């Protein structure tokens, strides 16, 4: 599982993922590096909730000064 696009789902949404392809290149002379495929085991969806940090409210109040 991986996190889906937050802006597509409007929330944190786990989506199935077969894995990712990686191509390790150490320097320019590695003209044809091997493409590797990385996978991981599925995981249970953890409990998650968004919270606003204290600085959010400070910035929110300051930004009100610039509201048109």
N, C-alpha and C. Protein backbone atom coordinates (compact mmCIF):
# COMPACT_ATOMS: atom_id res chain seq x y z
N UNK A 1 0.83 -1.17 0.00
CA UNK A 1 0.00 0.00 0.00
C UNK A 1 0.89 1.24 0.00
N UNK A 2 0.35 2.29 -0.56
CA UNK A 2 1.02 3.59 -0.57
C UNK A 2 -0.05 4.66 -0.37
N UNK A 3 0.38 5.86 -0.04
CA UNK A 3 -0.59 6.95 0.09
C UNK A 3 -0.97 7.44 -1.29
N UNK A 4 -2.28 7.57 -1.53
CA UNK A 4 -2.75 8.16 -2.77
C UNK A 4 -2.55 9.67 -2.73
N UNK A 5 -2.81 10.31 -3.85
CA UNK A 5 -2.65 11.75 -3.95
C UNK A 5 -3.66 12.45 -3.04
N UNK A 6 -3.17 13.20 -2.08
CA UNK A 6 -4.02 13.89 -1.11
C UNK A 6 -5.02 14.81 -1.79
N UNK A 7 -4.62 15.46 -2.88
CA UNK A 7 -5.50 16.42 -3.55
C UNK A 7 -6.54 15.72 -4.43
N UNK A 8 -6.28 14.51 -4.83
CA UNK A 8 -7.26 13.74 -5.60
C UNK A 8 -8.35 13.21 -4.69
N UNK A 9 -7.97 12.68 -3.54
CA UNK A 9 -8.92 12.03 -2.64
C UNK A 9 -9.43 12.95 -1.53
N UNK A 10 -8.82 14.12 -1.38
CA UNK A 10 -9.16 15.07 -0.31
C UNK A 10 -9.01 14.46 1.08
N UNK A 11 -8.21 13.44 1.19
CA UNK A 11 -7.89 12.82 2.46
C UNK A 11 -6.71 11.87 2.23
N UNK A 12 -6.15 11.36 3.30
CA UNK A 12 -5.10 10.37 3.14
C UNK A 12 -5.77 9.04 2.85
N UNK A 13 -5.51 8.52 1.68
CA UNK A 13 -6.17 7.32 1.20
C UNK A 13 -5.12 6.29 0.79
N UNK A 14 -5.08 5.13 1.44
CA UNK A 14 -4.13 4.10 1.00
C UNK A 14 -4.60 3.49 -0.32
N UNK A 15 -3.66 3.27 -1.21
CA UNK A 15 -3.97 2.64 -2.50
C UNK A 15 -3.00 1.49 -2.72
N UNK A 16 -3.43 0.45 -3.42
CA UNK A 16 -2.52 -0.67 -3.71
C UNK A 16 -1.38 -0.21 -4.62
N UNK A 17 -0.20 -0.73 -4.37
CA UNK A 17 0.95 -0.42 -5.21
C UNK A 17 1.77 -1.69 -5.41
N UNK A 18 2.07 -2.03 -6.66
CA UNK A 18 2.88 -3.22 -6.90
C UNK A 18 4.34 -3.03 -6.50
N UNK A 19 4.78 -1.78 -6.35
CA UNK A 19 6.16 -1.47 -6.02
C UNK A 19 6.63 -0.28 -6.83
N UNK A 20 7.93 -0.03 -6.79
CA UNK A 20 8.50 1.08 -7.56
C UNK A 20 9.74 0.60 -8.30
N UNK A 21 10.02 1.24 -9.41
CA UNK A 21 11.25 0.96 -10.17
C UNK A 21 12.29 1.98 -9.76
N UNK A 22 13.51 1.51 -9.55
CA UNK A 22 14.61 2.42 -9.22
C UNK A 22 15.78 2.14 -10.15
N UNK A 23 16.55 3.17 -10.43
CA UNK A 23 17.70 3.03 -11.31
C UNK A 23 18.89 3.70 -10.62
N UNK A 24 19.68 2.92 -9.88
CA UNK A 24 20.82 3.53 -9.18
C UNK A 24 21.93 3.93 -10.15
N UNK A 25 22.31 5.19 -10.10
CA UNK A 25 23.39 5.71 -10.94
C UNK A 25 24.37 6.41 -10.01
N UNK A 26 25.59 5.92 -9.98
CA UNK A 26 26.60 6.49 -9.09
C UNK A 26 27.39 7.61 -9.74
N UNK A 27 27.57 7.53 -11.05
CA UNK A 27 28.30 8.59 -11.75
C UNK A 27 27.91 8.57 -13.22
N UNK A 28 28.41 9.54 -13.96
CA UNK A 28 28.04 9.70 -15.37
C UNK A 28 28.50 8.53 -16.24
N UNK A 29 29.50 7.78 -15.81
CA UNK A 29 30.00 6.69 -16.64
C UNK A 29 29.06 5.48 -16.63
N UNK A 30 28.08 5.48 -15.72
CA UNK A 30 27.09 4.40 -15.70
C UNK A 30 26.04 4.65 -16.78
N UNK A 31 26.41 4.39 -18.02
CA UNK A 31 25.53 4.71 -19.14
C UNK A 31 24.29 3.84 -19.17
N UNK A 32 24.40 2.57 -18.82
CA UNK A 32 23.28 1.65 -18.86
C UNK A 32 23.11 0.96 -17.50
N UNK A 33 22.64 1.68 -16.49
CA UNK A 33 22.46 1.04 -15.19
C UNK A 33 21.30 0.05 -15.22
N UNK A 34 21.35 -0.91 -14.34
CA UNK A 34 20.27 -1.90 -14.26
C UNK A 34 19.06 -1.28 -13.59
N UNK A 35 17.89 -1.56 -14.14
CA UNK A 35 16.64 -1.11 -13.55
C UNK A 35 16.23 -2.14 -12.50
N UNK A 36 16.02 -1.70 -11.27
CA UNK A 36 15.65 -2.59 -10.18
C UNK A 36 14.21 -2.32 -9.78
N UNK A 37 13.54 -3.36 -9.31
CA UNK A 37 12.15 -3.22 -8.87
C UNK A 37 12.10 -3.49 -7.38
N UNK A 38 11.54 -2.56 -6.63
CA UNK A 38 11.47 -2.67 -5.17
C UNK A 38 10.02 -2.88 -4.75
N UNK A 39 9.78 -3.89 -3.92
CA UNK A 39 8.43 -4.15 -3.42
C UNK A 39 8.46 -4.19 -1.90
N UNK A 40 7.30 -4.13 -1.31
CA UNK A 40 7.18 -4.21 0.14
C UNK A 40 5.92 -4.96 0.49
N UNK A 41 5.87 -5.44 1.71
CA UNK A 41 4.69 -6.17 2.17
C UNK A 41 3.55 -5.18 2.41
N UNK A 42 2.32 -5.67 2.26
CA UNK A 42 1.17 -4.83 2.59
C UNK A 42 1.17 -4.51 4.07
N UNK A 43 0.52 -3.45 4.45
CA UNK A 43 0.45 -3.06 5.85
C UNK A 43 -0.97 -2.70 6.20
N UNK A 44 -1.25 -2.80 7.48
CA UNK A 44 -2.57 -2.38 7.96
C UNK A 44 -2.62 -0.86 7.96
N UNK A 45 -3.80 -0.34 7.68
CA UNK A 45 -3.93 1.11 7.67
C UNK A 45 -3.86 1.64 9.10
N UNK A 46 -2.88 2.49 9.38
CA UNK A 46 -2.77 3.02 10.74
C UNK A 46 -3.85 4.08 11.00
N UNK A 47 -4.18 4.27 12.26
CA UNK A 47 -5.08 5.37 12.61
C UNK A 47 -4.32 6.67 12.37
N UNK A 48 -4.97 7.60 11.72
CA UNK A 48 -4.32 8.85 11.38
C UNK A 48 -5.34 9.97 11.45
N UNK A 49 -4.93 11.06 11.99
CA UNK A 49 -5.76 12.25 11.95
C UNK A 49 -4.86 13.46 11.79
N UNK A 50 -5.38 14.45 11.10
CA UNK A 50 -4.62 15.66 10.88
C UNK A 50 -4.79 16.58 12.08
N UNK A 51 -3.73 17.26 12.44
CA UNK A 51 -3.85 18.22 13.53
C UNK A 51 -3.13 19.50 13.11
N UNK A 52 -3.63 20.58 13.57
CA UNK A 52 -3.00 21.86 13.26
C UNK A 52 -2.02 22.20 14.37
N UNK A 53 -0.82 22.59 13.96
CA UNK A 53 0.19 22.99 14.93
C UNK A 53 -0.14 24.37 15.50
N UNK A 54 0.46 24.70 16.61
CA UNK A 54 0.21 26.00 17.25
C UNK A 54 0.51 27.15 16.29
N UNK A 55 1.54 26.99 15.48
CA UNK A 55 1.92 28.07 14.57
C UNK A 55 0.86 28.33 13.50
N UNK A 56 0.01 27.35 13.22
CA UNK A 56 -1.06 27.55 12.23
C UNK A 56 -1.94 28.73 12.63
N UNK A 57 -2.34 28.77 13.89
CA UNK A 57 -3.24 29.82 14.36
C UNK A 57 -2.54 31.17 14.42
N UNK A 58 -1.25 31.17 14.71
CA UNK A 58 -0.48 32.41 14.69
C UNK A 58 -0.46 32.98 13.28
N UNK A 59 -0.14 32.13 12.31
CA UNK A 59 -0.11 32.58 10.91
C UNK A 59 -1.50 32.97 10.43
N UNK A 60 -2.50 32.23 10.83
CA UNK A 60 -3.87 32.54 10.42
C UNK A 60 -4.26 33.94 10.88
N UNK A 61 -3.96 34.27 12.12
CA UNK A 61 -4.28 35.60 12.63
C UNK A 61 -3.49 36.69 11.92
N UNK A 62 -2.23 36.44 11.63
CA UNK A 62 -1.42 37.43 10.93
C UNK A 62 -1.90 37.64 9.50
N UNK A 63 -2.31 36.57 8.84
CA UNK A 63 -2.75 36.68 7.45
C UNK A 63 -4.08 37.42 7.33
N UNK A 64 -4.86 37.45 8.38
CA UNK A 64 -6.12 38.20 8.35
C UNK A 64 -5.88 39.68 8.10
N UNK A 65 -4.72 40.16 8.48
CA UNK A 65 -4.37 41.57 8.26
C UNK A 65 -4.27 41.90 6.78
N UNK A 66 -3.97 40.90 5.95
CA UNK A 66 -3.74 41.13 4.53
C UNK A 66 -4.93 40.72 3.67
N UNK A 67 -6.01 40.34 4.29
CA UNK A 67 -7.20 39.91 3.55
C UNK A 67 -7.77 41.09 2.79
N UNK A 68 -8.07 40.88 1.51
CA UNK A 68 -8.61 41.97 0.68
C UNK A 68 -10.09 42.10 0.85
